[in-house]
Protein backbone atom coordinates (compact mmCIF):
# COMPACT_ATOMS: atom_id res chain seq x y z
CA MET A 1 294.99 94.71 193.13
CA ALA A 2 293.08 91.41 193.27
CA ALA A 3 291.25 92.27 190.06
CA LEU A 4 294.56 93.13 188.36
CA LEU A 5 296.10 89.82 189.39
CA VAL A 6 293.09 87.93 188.04
CA ALA A 7 293.38 89.82 184.75
CA LEU A 8 297.09 89.02 184.44
CA CYS A 9 296.56 85.33 185.21
CA ALA A 10 293.74 85.15 182.68
CA ARG A 11 295.78 86.79 179.89
CA ALA A 12 295.25 84.94 176.65
CA GLU A 13 298.12 82.82 175.39
CA ASP A 14 299.78 84.16 172.26
CA TRP A 15 300.32 82.10 169.11
CA PRO A 16 303.44 83.91 167.88
CA GLN A 17 304.77 81.66 165.11
CA TRP A 18 304.22 78.61 162.93
CA ARG A 19 302.50 76.02 165.18
CA GLY A 20 302.22 78.37 168.13
CA PRO A 21 304.11 78.40 171.43
CA GLU A 22 307.35 76.38 171.17
CA SER A 23 306.26 75.34 167.63
CA GLN A 24 304.41 72.34 169.09
CA GLY A 25 300.87 72.92 167.82
CA VAL A 26 299.52 72.82 171.40
CA SER A 27 297.66 75.50 173.37
CA ASN A 28 296.76 75.77 177.07
CA GLU A 29 293.53 77.61 176.24
CA LYS A 30 290.30 76.25 177.74
CA GLY A 31 286.65 76.54 176.77
CA LEU A 32 287.31 76.33 173.04
CA PRO A 33 284.34 75.78 170.72
CA THR A 34 283.59 72.27 169.50
CA GLU A 35 280.85 72.98 166.96
CA TRP A 36 280.42 75.76 164.40
CA SER A 37 279.24 76.42 160.87
CA ALA A 38 279.05 79.33 158.43
CA THR A 39 276.24 80.75 160.60
CA LYS A 40 277.11 79.46 164.07
CA ASN A 41 279.92 80.38 166.49
CA ILE A 42 281.66 82.73 164.06
CA ALA A 43 282.96 85.57 166.24
CA TRP A 44 284.00 87.49 163.11
CA LYS A 45 285.53 87.09 159.68
CA ALA A 46 287.61 89.47 157.58
CA LYS A 47 288.35 89.56 153.87
CA LEU A 48 292.06 89.57 153.11
CA ALA A 49 293.86 91.80 150.62
CA GLY A 50 295.02 88.80 148.60
CA THR A 51 295.42 85.04 148.78
CA GLY A 52 297.92 82.75 150.47
CA VAL A 53 298.41 79.72 152.68
CA SER A 54 300.47 81.22 155.50
CA SER A 55 298.97 80.58 158.92
CA PRO A 56 297.75 83.44 161.12
CA ILE A 57 299.75 84.36 164.21
CA VAL A 58 298.38 86.06 167.32
CA THR A 59 300.22 88.44 169.63
CA ASP A 60 298.72 90.53 172.42
CA ILE A 61 295.50 91.90 170.86
CA PHE A 62 296.37 91.41 167.19
CA VAL A 63 296.05 88.72 164.52
CA ILE A 64 298.60 88.92 161.70
CA VAL A 65 298.49 87.25 158.28
CA THR A 66 300.26 87.60 154.91
CA SER A 67 298.90 87.45 151.35
CA GLN A 68 299.87 87.77 147.72
CA VAL A 69 297.98 90.33 145.63
CA GLY A 70 297.97 89.70 141.88
CA GLY A 71 299.60 86.90 139.95
CA GLY A 72 298.12 83.48 139.48
CA GLY A 73 300.83 80.96 140.34
CA ALA A 74 300.63 77.53 138.75
CA GLY A 75 297.55 76.35 137.00
CA GLY A 76 296.21 72.88 137.44
CA GLY A 77 298.87 70.44 136.30
CA ASP A 78 300.34 69.47 139.64
CA PRO A 79 299.92 66.03 141.24
CA ARG A 80 296.85 65.42 143.37
CA LEU A 81 297.34 64.46 147.00
CA ALA A 82 294.31 62.21 146.66
CA ARG A 83 295.23 60.91 143.22
CA ASP A 84 294.36 57.33 144.19
CA ASP A 85 290.81 58.42 145.09
CA ARG A 86 289.23 60.04 142.04
CA ALA A 87 286.19 61.39 143.87
CA LEU A 88 288.36 63.01 146.52
CA ALA A 89 290.92 64.27 143.99
CA ALA A 90 288.12 66.02 142.10
CA ARG A 91 287.63 68.24 145.17
CA GLU A 92 291.22 69.53 145.05
CA ASN A 93 291.63 72.97 143.51
CA ALA A 94 294.38 75.43 142.63
CA ILE A 95 294.73 78.52 144.79
CA GLY A 96 292.88 81.54 143.46
CA ALA A 97 294.17 85.08 143.05
CA VAL A 98 292.99 88.58 143.93
CA PRO A 99 293.78 90.93 141.00
CA SER A 100 296.30 93.71 141.53
CA PRO A 101 295.05 97.15 140.44
CA ASP A 102 298.25 97.90 138.51
CA GLY A 103 298.97 94.37 137.33
CA LYS A 104 302.03 94.02 139.55
CA VAL A 105 302.44 91.25 142.10
CA ARG A 106 302.42 92.64 145.63
CA LEU A 107 303.02 90.99 148.98
CA ALA A 108 300.87 92.14 151.88
CA VAL A 109 300.92 91.98 155.68
CA GLU A 110 297.64 92.72 157.46
CA VAL A 111 297.00 93.20 161.16
CA PHE A 112 293.52 92.78 162.65
CA LEU A 113 292.13 93.32 166.12
CA ARG A 114 291.75 89.96 167.80
CA SER A 115 288.51 91.03 169.46
CA ASP A 116 286.44 92.07 166.43
CA GLY A 117 288.51 91.60 163.24
CA LYS A 118 288.85 95.28 162.38
CA ARG A 119 291.95 95.85 160.29
CA GLN A 120 294.49 98.10 161.99
CA TRP A 121 297.08 98.46 159.25
CA LYS A 122 298.41 96.94 156.04
CA TYR A 123 301.96 96.83 154.71
CA GLU A 124 302.73 96.04 151.07
CA THR A 125 305.90 95.46 149.08
CA GLU A 126 306.30 94.60 145.42
CA ALA A 127 307.45 91.07 144.55
CA VAL A 128 310.95 91.03 143.07
CA GLY A 129 312.89 88.90 140.63
CA ALA A 130 311.82 86.14 138.28
CA GLN A 131 309.13 83.96 139.80
CA SER A 132 309.95 80.26 139.88
CA ASP A 133 307.30 77.64 139.18
CA LEU A 134 304.97 77.24 142.14
CA HIS A 135 302.78 74.34 143.12
CA GLU A 136 299.19 75.24 142.31
CA LYS A 137 298.23 75.06 145.99
CA HIS A 138 300.41 77.89 147.20
CA ASN A 139 301.98 81.18 146.18
CA LEU A 140 304.60 83.62 147.48
CA ALA A 141 302.66 84.06 150.74
CA THR A 142 303.25 80.57 152.09
CA PRO A 143 305.75 81.16 154.95
CA THR A 144 304.03 82.02 158.25
CA PRO A 145 305.21 85.24 159.93
CA VAL A 146 306.76 85.30 163.40
CA THR A 147 306.79 87.90 166.17
CA ASP A 148 308.82 88.55 169.31
CA GLY A 149 306.08 90.77 170.71
CA GLU A 150 307.82 93.95 169.54
CA ARG A 151 308.45 93.34 165.84
CA VAL A 152 306.77 91.27 163.13
CA TYR A 153 309.05 89.35 160.76
CA VAL A 154 307.69 88.23 157.40
CA TRP A 155 309.34 86.13 154.72
CA PHE A 156 308.01 85.70 151.20
CA GLY A 157 308.63 83.15 148.47
CA ASP A 158 310.62 85.60 146.35
CA GLY A 159 313.31 85.77 149.06
CA GLN A 160 312.29 89.05 150.70
CA VAL A 161 312.52 89.24 154.50
CA VAL A 162 310.98 92.27 156.22
CA ALA A 163 310.94 93.43 159.85
CA LEU A 164 308.02 95.69 160.84
CA ASP A 165 307.23 97.53 164.05
CA GLY A 166 303.86 97.42 165.81
CA GLU A 167 302.42 100.09 163.52
CA GLY A 168 303.55 98.56 160.24
CA LYS A 169 306.66 100.71 159.76
CA GLU A 170 309.46 98.98 157.88
CA LEU A 171 312.53 98.61 160.13
CA TRP A 172 314.75 96.64 157.76
CA LYS A 173 314.48 94.53 154.63
CA ARG A 174 316.65 91.83 153.05
CA ASN A 175 316.45 90.10 149.68
CA LEU A 176 318.00 86.66 150.16
CA ALA A 177 317.66 85.76 146.49
CA ARG A 178 319.86 88.75 145.61
CA ASP A 179 322.23 88.40 148.56
CA TYR A 180 322.85 84.65 148.52
CA GLY A 181 321.70 83.31 145.17
CA SER A 182 318.70 81.76 143.46
CA PHE A 183 315.39 81.24 145.25
CA ASP A 184 314.40 78.54 142.79
CA ASN A 185 312.87 75.60 144.66
CA GLN A 186 310.76 72.81 143.23
CA TRP A 187 307.11 73.77 143.85
CA GLY A 188 308.22 77.07 145.46
CA HIS A 189 309.47 78.06 148.90
CA GLY A 190 307.61 76.71 151.97
CA SER A 191 309.79 77.10 155.08
CA SER A 192 308.78 79.71 157.69
CA PRO A 193 311.11 81.96 159.74
CA MET A 194 311.81 81.23 163.40
CA ILE A 195 313.20 83.28 166.28
CA TYR A 196 315.84 82.08 168.72
CA LYS A 197 316.98 84.63 171.32
CA ASP A 198 318.17 87.62 169.25
CA LEU A 199 318.35 85.67 165.97
CA LEU A 200 315.97 85.23 163.06
CA ILE A 201 316.76 81.81 161.54
CA LEU A 202 315.87 80.96 157.94
CA LEU A 203 316.18 77.65 156.06
CA CYS A 204 316.75 77.81 152.30
CA ASP A 205 317.14 74.27 151.01
CA HIS A 206 316.79 74.90 147.29
CA ARG A 207 318.27 72.83 144.49
CA PRO A 208 320.64 75.49 143.06
CA VAL A 209 321.92 76.62 146.47
CA SER A 210 321.10 75.43 150.00
CA TYR A 211 321.94 77.18 153.25
CA LEU A 212 320.83 77.95 156.78
CA VAL A 213 321.26 81.57 157.86
CA ALA A 214 320.77 83.50 161.09
CA LEU A 215 320.14 87.26 160.97
CA ASP A 216 320.30 89.74 163.81
CA LYS A 217 316.61 90.31 164.42
CA ALA A 218 317.16 93.99 165.30
CA THR A 219 319.21 94.91 162.24
CA GLY A 220 318.84 92.12 159.65
CA LYS A 221 322.64 91.70 159.46
CA GLU A 222 324.04 88.21 159.04
CA ARG A 223 325.24 86.59 162.27
CA TRP A 224 326.10 83.15 160.86
CA LYS A 225 325.51 81.15 157.71
CA VAL A 226 325.92 77.43 157.00
CA ASP A 227 326.37 76.17 153.44
CA ARG A 228 324.29 72.98 153.04
CA GLY A 229 325.53 72.15 149.53
CA ARG A 230 323.59 71.85 146.30
CA GLY A 231 320.53 69.85 145.39
CA ARG A 232 318.81 69.82 148.77
CA VAL A 233 315.05 70.15 149.04
CA SER A 234 313.02 71.05 152.12
CA HIS A 235 309.75 72.86 152.74
CA SER A 236 310.02 72.23 156.47
CA THR A 237 310.38 74.87 159.20
CA PRO A 238 313.29 74.35 161.64
CA VAL A 239 312.52 74.00 165.34
CA VAL A 240 314.65 74.28 168.48
CA VAL A 241 314.56 71.47 171.04
CA ALA A 242 316.29 71.04 174.37
CA GLY A 243 319.27 68.67 174.23
CA PRO A 244 321.42 67.16 176.97
CA LYS A 245 324.18 69.72 176.37
CA GLY A 246 322.07 72.67 175.24
CA ASP A 247 319.51 73.66 172.66
CA GLU A 248 319.53 72.00 169.23
CA LEU A 249 318.13 73.31 165.94
CA ILE A 250 316.42 70.48 164.02
CA VAL A 251 316.14 70.57 160.21
CA ASN A 252 314.18 68.04 158.12
CA SER A 253 315.41 67.79 154.51
CA ASP A 254 315.37 65.29 151.66
CA GLN A 255 318.86 63.98 152.44
CA ARG A 256 318.52 63.52 156.21
CA ILE A 257 317.71 65.16 159.55
CA ASP A 258 320.37 67.62 160.75
CA ALA A 259 320.95 69.22 164.15
CA TYR A 260 322.88 72.47 164.72
CA LYS A 261 323.77 74.77 167.58
CA PRO A 262 321.22 77.57 167.11
CA LEU A 263 323.55 80.32 168.40
CA THR A 264 326.44 79.52 166.06
CA GLY A 265 325.28 77.17 163.29
CA GLU A 266 327.80 74.52 164.34
CA ALA A 267 326.80 71.05 163.09
CA LEU A 268 325.99 68.58 165.88
CA TRP A 269 324.56 65.36 164.47
CA HIS A 270 322.50 63.87 161.68
CA ALA A 271 320.14 60.93 161.26
CA GLY A 272 317.80 59.23 158.82
CA THR A 273 317.93 58.33 155.15
CA GLU A 274 316.88 60.17 152.00
CA ARG A 275 313.22 61.09 151.70
CA GLN A 276 311.53 62.91 148.82
CA THR A 277 310.07 66.40 149.38
CA PRO A 278 310.08 66.77 153.20
CA ILE A 279 307.48 69.18 154.58
CA PRO A 280 306.64 68.24 158.21
CA SER A 281 308.44 69.90 161.13
CA ALA A 282 309.66 68.12 164.24
CA VAL A 283 308.03 68.27 167.67
CA SER A 284 309.63 67.34 170.96
CA HIS A 285 308.55 66.32 174.44
CA GLY A 286 310.28 64.86 177.46
CA GLY A 287 313.68 64.53 175.80
CA THR A 288 312.44 62.91 172.57
CA ILE A 289 312.14 64.32 169.05
CA TYR A 290 309.22 63.09 166.93
CA LEU A 291 309.21 63.56 163.18
CA SER A 292 307.35 62.38 160.10
CA ARG A 293 309.83 62.66 157.24
CA GLY A 294 307.19 63.54 154.64
CA TYR A 295 306.03 62.34 151.23
CA ARG A 296 303.70 59.41 150.77
CA ASN A 297 303.38 56.74 153.44
CA SER A 298 306.23 58.27 155.42
CA ASP A 299 307.98 56.59 158.30
CA ILE A 300 307.89 58.21 161.76
CA LEU A 301 310.98 58.53 163.94
CA ALA A 302 311.46 59.03 167.66
CA LEU A 303 315.00 60.25 168.31
CA ARG A 304 316.91 61.26 171.40
CA PRO A 305 318.75 64.56 171.00
CA GLY A 306 322.49 64.75 171.61
CA GLY A 307 325.37 62.80 170.17
CA ALA A 308 327.70 63.55 167.28
CA GLY A 309 327.97 62.43 163.68
CA ASP A 310 325.50 59.84 162.41
CA VAL A 311 323.10 58.93 165.26
CA SER A 312 320.59 57.06 163.08
CA GLU A 313 320.97 53.90 165.15
CA SER A 314 322.52 55.04 168.43
CA HIS A 315 319.84 57.64 169.22
CA LEU A 316 316.82 55.98 167.60
CA LYS A 317 314.18 55.33 170.24
CA TRP A 318 311.69 53.75 167.86
CA ARG A 319 310.63 53.85 164.23
CA MET A 320 307.18 53.34 162.73
CA PRO A 321 307.78 52.20 159.12
CA ASN A 322 304.66 53.83 157.65
CA GLY A 323 301.52 55.78 158.49
CA GLY A 324 303.24 59.15 158.71
CA SER A 325 302.08 62.34 157.05
CA TYR A 326 303.08 63.89 153.73
CA VAL A 327 302.45 67.55 154.57
CA PRO A 328 301.00 67.90 158.11
CA SER A 329 303.30 67.78 161.14
CA ILE A 330 302.71 65.55 164.18
CA VAL A 331 301.13 66.86 167.37
CA HIS A 332 302.10 65.45 170.79
CA TYR A 333 299.36 65.77 173.40
CA GLU A 334 299.06 64.15 176.81
CA GLY A 335 301.38 61.25 176.03
CA LEU A 336 299.95 60.44 172.60
CA LEU A 337 300.96 61.35 169.06
CA TYR A 338 298.34 62.33 166.48
CA MET A 339 298.99 62.58 162.75
CA THR A 340 296.98 62.48 159.56
CA ASN A 341 298.08 61.49 156.10
CA GLU A 342 297.06 63.34 152.95
CA VAL A 343 293.71 61.55 152.58
CA GLY A 344 292.55 61.73 156.18
CA VAL A 345 293.74 58.49 157.73
CA VAL A 346 294.43 59.57 161.31
CA THR A 347 296.86 57.61 163.46
CA CYS A 348 297.11 57.83 167.24
CA ALA A 349 300.23 56.26 168.76
CA GLU A 350 301.90 56.04 172.14
CA ALA A 351 304.68 58.61 172.33
CA GLU A 352 306.84 56.41 174.52
CA THR A 353 306.76 53.27 172.38
CA GLY A 354 305.36 54.17 168.96
CA LYS A 355 302.67 51.51 169.40
CA VAL A 356 299.55 52.35 167.36
CA VAL A 357 296.60 52.96 169.69
CA TRP A 358 294.01 53.50 166.99
CA ARG A 359 293.74 54.39 163.31
CA GLU A 360 290.64 55.98 161.78
CA ARG A 361 289.82 57.20 158.27
CA LEU A 362 288.06 60.57 158.37
CA GLY A 363 288.23 61.38 154.68
CA GLY A 364 289.18 64.77 153.31
CA ILE A 365 292.46 66.16 152.01
CA PHE A 366 294.93 67.44 154.58
CA PHE A 367 297.62 70.08 154.17
CA ALA A 368 297.08 71.82 157.53
CA SER A 369 298.81 70.44 160.62
CA PRO A 370 296.65 69.33 163.56
CA VAL A 371 296.49 71.40 166.75
CA ALA A 372 295.58 70.30 170.26
CA ALA A 373 293.93 72.09 173.19
CA ASP A 374 291.18 71.74 175.77
CA GLY A 375 291.17 67.94 175.58
CA LYS A 376 290.56 67.99 171.83
CA ILE A 377 292.44 67.46 168.57
CA TYR A 378 291.50 69.77 165.69
CA LEU A 379 292.14 68.59 162.11
CA LEU A 380 291.38 70.94 159.21
CA SER A 381 290.73 69.62 155.69
CA GLU A 382 291.31 71.46 152.43
CA THR A 383 287.70 70.71 151.52
CA GLY A 384 286.36 72.96 154.29
CA GLU A 385 285.71 70.58 157.18
CA MET A 386 287.35 70.70 160.57
CA PHE A 387 287.13 67.44 162.46
CA VAL A 388 287.16 67.79 166.26
CA LEU A 389 288.32 64.62 168.02
CA LYS A 390 288.31 63.85 171.69
CA ALA A 391 291.90 63.36 172.77
CA GLY A 392 292.53 59.90 174.14
CA ARG A 393 292.97 56.22 173.50
CA THR A 394 289.61 55.78 171.76
CA ALA A 395 288.81 57.28 168.37
CA GLN A 396 285.87 59.62 168.97
CA VAL A 397 284.78 62.34 166.55
CA LEU A 398 283.01 65.06 168.54
CA ALA A 399 282.07 67.23 165.57
CA ARG A 400 282.54 67.72 161.85
CA ASN A 401 282.28 71.43 161.12
CA GLU A 402 281.96 72.87 157.61
CA LEU A 403 282.54 76.46 156.50
CA GLY A 404 282.23 76.08 152.74
CA ALA A 405 285.73 77.41 152.05
CA ARG A 406 289.13 75.93 151.19
CA PHE A 407 291.77 75.63 153.92
CA LEU A 408 295.46 74.84 153.53
CA ALA A 409 296.82 76.95 156.40
CA SER A 410 297.13 75.50 159.90
CA PRO A 411 294.93 76.90 162.70
CA ALA A 412 295.99 79.29 165.47
CA ILE A 413 294.50 79.36 168.99
CA SER A 414 294.26 82.30 171.41
CA ALA A 415 291.79 84.01 173.75
CA GLY A 416 289.31 81.14 173.63
CA MET A 417 289.07 81.34 169.84
CA ILE A 418 290.36 79.33 166.89
CA PHE A 419 291.67 81.38 163.97
CA LEU A 420 291.41 79.87 160.49
CA ARG A 421 292.70 81.23 157.24
CA SER A 422 291.09 80.18 153.95
CA ASP A 423 292.59 81.29 150.63
CA ASP A 424 291.30 84.84 151.07
CA THR A 425 289.40 85.12 154.38
CA LEU A 426 290.36 85.14 158.07
CA TYR A 427 287.88 83.51 160.47
CA ALA A 428 287.67 83.77 164.26
CA ILE A 429 285.78 80.76 165.61
CA GLY A 430 284.19 81.44 168.98
CA GLN A 431 281.13 83.02 170.53
CA GLU A 432 279.30 85.39 168.17
CA ARG A 433 279.96 89.04 168.94
């Protein structure tokens, strides 16, 4: 009995969705590695069926990731994140492609054993409809899957949503592009699915048609749908935060920040001004919502939940006019906020006041969002380096680890390991096995 209790208490924490537990990018895991390389502290690595930038998720004993097989996406004409730094911009590359045997574009879900990386099963479905123009750094496998521990829910950039059981059997499938209209979004679709109670919530802010929809996670049937008008743009993933009168669903889009009741879709409040191409998701802690609006030199907002109508002034706790991130989301850890802009300028600020504690330029190009655990902040660069910082009020780089691959997907943490997804390979960082 004592041994069983110890085993239960020591059960590894799952990372079931985009940014892990509660979508905060924070793990309670201890004893995580600080240093590694292509030949050191690699527990295992597995080649993927295709390419993509969706993040891995971890549930129970499995690691799950999606990919696109075939197709090439865009090809080199898109704006550089580091366009003001020619040397750094030269290190940016378009996503590659794994050829499809029959020339068709397929979308894959793969499940690997967390312990050794052996693939347990693979699900594939053919991409449907006309493919809109994609940014060269992603493809149809950009949204991160989500799991409730019983089913795996995947969403692809062609509008297909699929629910799978633990053995890869298809339980239901929806095609949102067919059911609700065009899936044509500038640069392609980026938002990931999220689960709230018995709902699967999906944000589709696309220029031709914009909406927020909740599906019954057991059947795929629509439970509620909110029309968000035309011309909206968002690549952000919604998150649920605790409000004074109940939970609130927070959406970051180019027009403003919106809050809804997650069970019904009823509009609650809105805040902020227009901002081009929002990508970061919100985080919350201690009754405050923190959000970088996105695009270059973004502002950072600290908002109190609650209220009605426009709360831009009434519920604003503080605003930092610049220094926010274009693509990566903020991480809140032990009273401090950490964020990196597209060219590796990392800012640490007090969560309570927004006062900048320190600012350090690491270099690199950052799409992946930072994660925090074990007293450390992990920041992953597209150019293959992961910077490990000591959490705290002094800028201290503990390690700069290189794997010689390209990384756009955000890390996942579970069972004392860090899981990284390059374009076409899944890595488990930990003790060699």
